[in-house]
């Protein structure tokens, strides 16, 4: 079975929280700040596991899909 890499997978392997992995991978600045060491480790793990964000999951989470439907 083909397993899609998730934020949880990255966080577990990088030994950080899912929230911190999310902040680093989404490039968000806010209340959670990542140290340079954690940032580097998270990005390395994401590259190693071939992480690509799931656009459908992001759209559901944000309640936006940025999709346009065309009817003919």
Protein backbone atom coordinates (compact mmCIF):
# COMPACT_ATOMS: atom_id res chain seq x y z
CA UNK A 1 0.00 0.00 0.00
CA UNK A 2 1.25 3.47 -0.89
CA UNK A 3 1.42 5.66 2.25
CA UNK A 4 1.12 9.43 1.83
CA UNK A 5 3.42 11.29 4.22
CA UNK A 6 1.55 13.37 6.79
CA UNK A 7 2.51 16.15 9.19
CA UNK A 8 2.26 13.59 11.97
CA UNK A 9 4.88 11.40 10.26
CA UNK A 10 7.25 14.34 9.90
CA UNK A 11 6.70 15.53 13.48
CA UNK A 12 7.34 12.06 14.91
CA UNK A 13 10.53 11.53 12.93
CA UNK A 14 11.83 15.06 13.66
CA UNK A 15 10.84 14.67 17.33
CA UNK A 16 8.77 17.87 17.41
CA UNK A 17 5.07 18.65 17.82
CA UNK A 18 2.67 18.51 14.89
CA UNK A 19 1.96 22.22 15.45
CA UNK A 20 5.64 23.13 15.13
CA UNK A 21 6.03 21.03 11.98
CA UNK A 22 2.97 22.76 10.53
CA UNK A 23 4.33 26.23 11.32
CA UNK A 24 7.66 25.46 9.67
CA UNK A 25 6.23 23.77 6.56
CA UNK A 26 3.57 26.43 6.04
CA UNK A 27 5.97 29.32 6.66
CA UNK A 28 3.69 30.87 9.27
CA UNK A 29 4.92 33.27 11.88
CA UNK A 30 2.98 33.55 15.08
CA UNK A 31 3.01 32.48 18.69
CA UNK A 32 4.96 29.33 17.91
CA UNK A 33 8.57 29.99 16.93
CA UNK A 34 10.92 27.30 15.67
CA UNK A 35 14.59 27.35 16.48
CA UNK A 36 16.97 27.19 13.52
CA UNK A 37 17.92 23.64 14.54
CA UNK A 38 14.31 22.45 14.61
CA UNK A 39 13.53 24.22 11.34
CA UNK A 40 16.47 22.54 9.64
CA UNK A 41 15.56 19.11 11.05
CA UNK A 42 11.88 19.42 10.01
CA UNK A 43 12.79 20.50 6.47
CA UNK A 44 15.32 17.68 6.14
CA UNK A 45 12.79 15.08 7.31
CA UNK A 46 10.13 16.48 4.96
CA UNK A 47 12.54 16.22 2.02
CA UNK A 48 13.63 12.71 3.06
CA UNK A 49 10.00 11.53 3.22
CA UNK A 50 9.07 13.34 -0.03
CA UNK A 51 6.37 15.39 1.69
CA UNK A 52 3.97 17.30 -0.54
CA UNK A 53 1.05 19.21 0.94
CA UNK A 54 -2.37 17.78 0.15
CA UNK A 55 -4.37 20.57 -1.54
CA UNK A 56 -7.70 18.86 -0.84
CA UNK A 57 -6.99 18.52 2.86
CA UNK A 58 -5.82 22.12 3.06
CA UNK A 59 -8.98 23.30 1.29
CA UNK A 60 -11.17 21.41 3.76
CA UNK A 61 -9.26 22.79 6.72
CA UNK A 62 -9.35 26.38 5.48
CA UNK A 63 -12.93 26.05 4.16
CA UNK A 64 -11.62 27.32 0.82
CA UNK A 65 -10.72 25.30 -2.25
CA UNK A 66 -9.72 28.00 -4.77
CA UNK A 67 -11.45 25.85 -7.39
CA UNK A 68 -13.65 27.23 -10.13
CA UNK A 69 -16.40 25.14 -11.64
CA UNK A 70 -17.46 25.60 -15.23
CA UNK A 71 -20.79 24.37 -16.49
CA UNK A 72 -21.60 24.14 -20.14
